[in-house]
Amino acid sequence: MEEKLYCVYILTSNSHTVLYIGVTNNLLSRVIQHREGAIEGFTKKYNVSKLVYWEGFGDIDYAISREKQLKGWRRQKKIDLIEIMNPN
């Protein structure tokens, strides 16, 4: 049986003014959906489509818990986390 990977991810706009945090079981497909504007709502409205950070988990409950934790952080703490993994 193949183990699923659940990803918590952070997207930003080209101007880096907006951060979006989500969770998915198919990161590549989800990022493509965001880039194509296929998902109605916040990311489409603010053109949030640039992947800047992700983490993988083998358990959906851990992924959702981490997503909630990151959403509760102040903006600067999120930016610091992104810069550790993705300094550019």
N, C-alpha and C. Protein backbone atom coordinates (compact mmCIF):
# COMPACT_ATOMS: atom_id res chain seq x y z
N MET A 1 0.83 -1.18 0.00
CA MET A 1 0.00 0.00 0.00
C MET A 1 0.88 1.25 0.00
N GLU A 2 0.60 2.15 -0.93
CA GLU A 2 1.37 3.38 -1.06
C GLU A 2 0.95 4.40 -0.01
N GLU A 3 1.93 4.98 0.66
CA GLU A 3 1.63 5.99 1.68
C GLU A 3 1.36 7.33 1.02
N LYS A 4 0.30 7.98 1.44
CA LYS A 4 -0.04 9.31 0.92
C LYS A 4 0.83 10.36 1.59
N LEU A 5 1.09 11.42 0.86
CA LEU A 5 1.81 12.56 1.40
C LEU A 5 0.86 13.75 1.41
N TYR A 6 0.68 14.32 2.57
CA TYR A 6 -0.16 15.50 2.73
C TYR A 6 0.75 16.69 2.94
N CYS A 7 0.53 17.73 2.16
CA CYS A 7 1.42 18.88 2.20
C CYS A 7 0.71 20.13 2.72
N VAL A 8 1.40 20.81 3.59
CA VAL A 8 1.00 22.16 4.00
C VAL A 8 1.87 23.08 3.16
N TYR A 9 1.26 24.08 2.57
CA TYR A 9 2.01 24.93 1.66
C TYR A 9 1.67 26.40 1.87
N ILE A 10 2.61 27.23 1.46
CA ILE A 10 2.40 28.68 1.51
C ILE A 10 2.61 29.22 0.10
N LEU A 11 1.63 29.98 -0.35
CA LEU A 11 1.70 30.68 -1.63
C LEU A 11 1.75 32.18 -1.37
N THR A 12 2.29 32.91 -2.32
CA THR A 12 2.28 34.36 -2.26
C THR A 12 1.93 34.92 -3.62
N SER A 13 1.67 36.21 -3.66
CA SER A 13 1.43 36.90 -4.92
C SER A 13 2.79 37.33 -5.49
N ASN A 14 2.80 37.77 -6.73
CA ASN A 14 4.05 38.23 -7.34
C ASN A 14 4.66 39.41 -6.59
N SER A 15 3.81 40.21 -5.99
CA SER A 15 4.30 41.37 -5.23
C SER A 15 4.69 41.01 -3.80
N HIS A 16 4.45 39.75 -3.41
CA HIS A 16 4.78 39.24 -2.08
C HIS A 16 4.02 39.95 -0.96
N THR A 17 2.89 40.55 -1.29
CA THR A 17 2.12 41.26 -0.27
C THR A 17 1.11 40.37 0.44
N VAL A 18 0.77 39.23 -0.16
CA VAL A 18 -0.25 38.35 0.38
C VAL A 18 0.35 36.97 0.60
N LEU A 19 0.01 36.35 1.74
CA LEU A 19 0.40 34.97 2.00
C LEU A 19 -0.86 34.13 2.15
N TYR A 20 -0.82 32.92 1.59
CA TYR A 20 -1.94 31.99 1.70
C TYR A 20 -1.39 30.66 2.16
N ILE A 21 -2.04 30.04 3.14
CA ILE A 21 -1.62 28.75 3.66
C ILE A 21 -2.73 27.75 3.40
N GLY A 22 -2.36 26.59 2.86
CA GLY A 22 -3.33 25.55 2.57
C GLY A 22 -2.76 24.18 2.83
N VAL A 23 -3.61 23.16 2.63
CA VAL A 23 -3.19 21.77 2.79
C VAL A 23 -3.76 20.97 1.62
N THR A 24 -3.01 19.99 1.13
CA THR A 24 -3.44 19.19 -0.01
C THR A 24 -2.75 17.83 0.03
N ASN A 25 -3.31 16.88 -0.72
CA ASN A 25 -2.65 15.58 -0.87
C ASN A 25 -1.99 15.46 -2.24
N ASN A 26 -2.02 16.54 -3.03
CA ASN A 26 -1.35 16.56 -4.33
C ASN A 26 -0.86 17.99 -4.59
N LEU A 27 0.35 18.26 -4.14
CA LEU A 27 0.87 19.63 -4.17
C LEU A 27 1.00 20.16 -5.60
N LEU A 28 1.55 19.38 -6.49
CA LEU A 28 1.75 19.84 -7.86
C LEU A 28 0.42 20.23 -8.51
N SER A 29 -0.56 19.36 -8.39
CA SER A 29 -1.87 19.62 -8.96
C SER A 29 -2.51 20.87 -8.34
N ARG A 30 -2.40 21.01 -7.03
CA ARG A 30 -3.00 22.16 -6.36
C ARG A 30 -2.34 23.47 -6.78
N VAL A 31 -1.02 23.48 -6.90
CA VAL A 31 -0.33 24.70 -7.32
C VAL A 31 -0.75 25.07 -8.75
N ILE A 32 -0.87 24.09 -9.61
CA ILE A 32 -1.33 24.35 -10.98
C ILE A 32 -2.73 24.93 -10.96
N GLN A 33 -3.60 24.39 -10.13
CA GLN A 33 -4.96 24.92 -10.01
C GLN A 33 -4.95 26.39 -9.59
N HIS A 34 -4.11 26.71 -8.61
CA HIS A 34 -4.00 28.10 -8.16
C HIS A 34 -3.48 28.99 -9.29
N ARG A 35 -2.44 28.54 -9.99
CA ARG A 35 -1.86 29.34 -11.07
C ARG A 35 -2.83 29.59 -12.21
N GLU A 36 -3.68 28.61 -12.48
CA GLU A 36 -4.65 28.75 -13.56
C GLU A 36 -5.93 29.46 -13.13
N GLY A 37 -6.02 29.80 -11.85
CA GLY A 37 -7.20 30.48 -11.34
C GLY A 37 -8.42 29.57 -11.28
N ALA A 38 -8.19 28.26 -11.18
CA ALA A 38 -9.28 27.28 -11.19
C ALA A 38 -9.99 27.19 -9.85
N ILE A 39 -9.40 27.74 -8.81
CA ILE A 39 -9.99 27.68 -7.47
C ILE A 39 -10.56 29.06 -7.13
N GLU A 40 -11.87 29.12 -7.01
CA GLU A 40 -12.53 30.37 -6.67
C GLU A 40 -12.17 30.79 -5.24
N GLY A 41 -12.15 32.07 -5.00
CA GLY A 41 -11.94 32.55 -3.64
C GLY A 41 -10.72 33.44 -3.51
N PHE A 42 -10.14 33.39 -2.35
CA PHE A 42 -9.05 34.29 -1.95
C PHE A 42 -7.89 34.28 -2.92
N THR A 43 -7.38 33.08 -3.26
CA THR A 43 -6.18 33.01 -4.10
C THR A 43 -6.42 33.54 -5.50
N LYS A 44 -7.60 33.30 -6.04
CA LYS A 44 -7.92 33.82 -7.37
C LYS A 44 -8.10 35.34 -7.31
N LYS A 45 -8.80 35.81 -6.30
CA LYS A 45 -9.06 37.25 -6.16
C LYS A 45 -7.76 38.05 -6.05
N TYR A 46 -6.80 37.53 -5.28
CA TYR A 46 -5.56 38.26 -5.04
C TYR A 46 -4.38 37.74 -5.86
N ASN A 47 -4.65 36.88 -6.84
CA ASN A 47 -3.61 36.34 -7.74
C ASN A 47 -2.45 35.72 -6.96
N VAL A 48 -2.80 34.87 -6.02
CA VAL A 48 -1.82 34.20 -5.18
C VAL A 48 -1.50 32.85 -5.81
N SER A 49 -0.30 32.72 -6.38
CA SER A 49 -0.01 31.51 -7.14
C SER A 49 1.45 31.06 -7.09
N LYS A 50 2.29 31.76 -6.35
CA LYS A 50 3.72 31.44 -6.30
C LYS A 50 4.02 30.62 -5.05
N LEU A 51 4.42 29.36 -5.25
CA LEU A 51 4.75 28.48 -4.12
C LEU A 51 6.08 28.92 -3.52
N VAL A 52 6.07 29.21 -2.21
CA VAL A 52 7.30 29.67 -1.55
C VAL A 52 7.72 28.76 -0.39
N TYR A 53 6.84 27.84 0.02
CA TYR A 53 7.17 26.96 1.15
C TYR A 53 6.21 25.78 1.16
N TRP A 54 6.73 24.61 1.57
CA TRP A 54 5.87 23.45 1.80
C TRP A 54 6.52 22.50 2.79
N GLU A 55 5.68 21.72 3.45
CA GLU A 55 6.10 20.65 4.36
C GLU A 55 5.25 19.43 4.06
N GLY A 56 5.83 18.24 4.16
CA GLY A 56 5.09 17.01 3.91
C GLY A 56 4.85 16.21 5.18
N PHE A 57 3.68 15.55 5.24
CA PHE A 57 3.28 14.73 6.39
C PHE A 57 2.65 13.44 5.89
N GLY A 58 2.81 12.37 6.62
CA GLY A 58 2.19 11.10 6.29
C GLY A 58 0.79 10.94 6.85
N ASP A 59 0.37 11.89 7.66
CA ASP A 59 -0.93 11.81 8.32
C ASP A 59 -1.68 13.12 8.12
N ILE A 60 -2.91 13.04 7.62
CA ILE A 60 -3.70 14.24 7.34
C ILE A 60 -3.97 15.06 8.61
N ASP A 61 -4.16 14.39 9.74
CA ASP A 61 -4.42 15.12 10.98
C ASP A 61 -3.24 15.98 11.38
N TYR A 62 -2.01 15.47 11.19
CA TYR A 62 -0.82 16.26 11.49
C TYR A 62 -0.72 17.45 10.53
N ALA A 63 -1.03 17.21 9.27
CA ALA A 63 -0.96 18.28 8.28
C ALA A 63 -1.96 19.39 8.61
N ILE A 64 -3.18 19.02 8.95
CA ILE A 64 -4.20 20.02 9.29
C ILE A 64 -3.81 20.78 10.55
N SER A 65 -3.25 20.06 11.52
CA SER A 65 -2.80 20.71 12.76
C SER A 65 -1.70 21.73 12.46
N ARG A 66 -0.76 21.36 11.60
CA ARG A 66 0.33 22.27 11.24
C ARG A 66 -0.20 23.48 10.46
N GLU A 67 -1.15 23.24 9.56
CA GLU A 67 -1.77 24.33 8.81
C GLU A 67 -2.38 25.34 9.78
N LYS A 68 -3.13 24.86 10.75
CA LYS A 68 -3.77 25.75 11.73
C LYS A 68 -2.72 26.51 12.54
N GLN A 69 -1.64 25.80 12.91
CA GLN A 69 -0.57 26.44 13.67
C GLN A 69 0.04 27.59 12.87
N LEU A 70 0.38 27.33 11.60
CA LEU A 70 0.99 28.37 10.77
C LEU A 70 0.04 29.55 10.55
N LYS A 71 -1.24 29.27 10.36
CA LYS A 71 -2.21 30.34 10.16
C LYS A 71 -2.31 31.24 11.39
N GLY A 72 -1.99 30.71 12.56
CA GLY A 72 -2.04 31.48 13.79
C GLY A 72 -0.81 32.33 14.04
N TRP A 73 0.23 32.13 13.26
CA TRP A 73 1.46 32.89 13.43
C TRP A 73 1.33 34.30 12.88
N ARG A 74 2.13 35.19 13.45
CA ARG A 74 2.24 36.54 12.90
C ARG A 74 2.95 36.47 11.54
N ARG A 75 2.69 37.45 10.71
CA ARG A 75 3.25 37.48 9.35
C ARG A 75 4.77 37.34 9.34
N GLN A 76 5.46 38.06 10.21
CA GLN A 76 6.93 38.02 10.20
C GLN A 76 7.47 36.63 10.51
N LYS A 77 6.82 35.92 11.40
CA LYS A 77 7.25 34.56 11.73
C LYS A 77 7.08 33.65 10.51
N LYS A 78 6.03 33.84 9.75
CA LYS A 78 5.81 33.06 8.52
C LYS A 78 6.90 33.39 7.51
N ILE A 79 7.22 34.66 7.37
CA ILE A 79 8.26 35.08 6.43
C ILE A 79 9.61 34.49 6.84
N ASP A 80 9.91 34.50 8.13
CA ASP A 80 11.16 33.91 8.61
C ASP A 80 11.23 32.43 8.26
N LEU A 81 10.12 31.71 8.43
CA LEU A 81 10.07 30.28 8.09
C LEU A 81 10.32 30.08 6.60
N ILE A 82 9.67 30.88 5.78
CA ILE A 82 9.87 30.79 4.32
C ILE A 82 11.32 31.03 3.95
N GLU A 83 11.92 32.03 4.54
CA GLU A 83 13.30 32.40 4.18
C GLU A 83 14.32 31.33 4.59
N ILE A 84 14.01 30.54 5.60
CA ILE A 84 14.90 29.45 5.98
C ILE A 84 14.97 28.41 4.86
N MET A 85 13.80 28.04 4.33
CA MET A 85 13.74 27.02 3.28
C MET A 85 14.00 27.60 1.89
N ASN A 86 13.59 28.84 1.69
CA ASN A 86 13.61 29.44 0.36
C ASN A 86 14.14 30.88 0.45
N PRO A 87 15.45 31.03 0.61
CA PRO A 87 16.01 32.36 0.82
C PRO A 87 15.86 33.30 -0.37
N ASN A 88 15.55 32.79 -1.53
CA ASN A 88 15.43 33.65 -2.72
C ASN A 88 13.99 34.03 -2.96
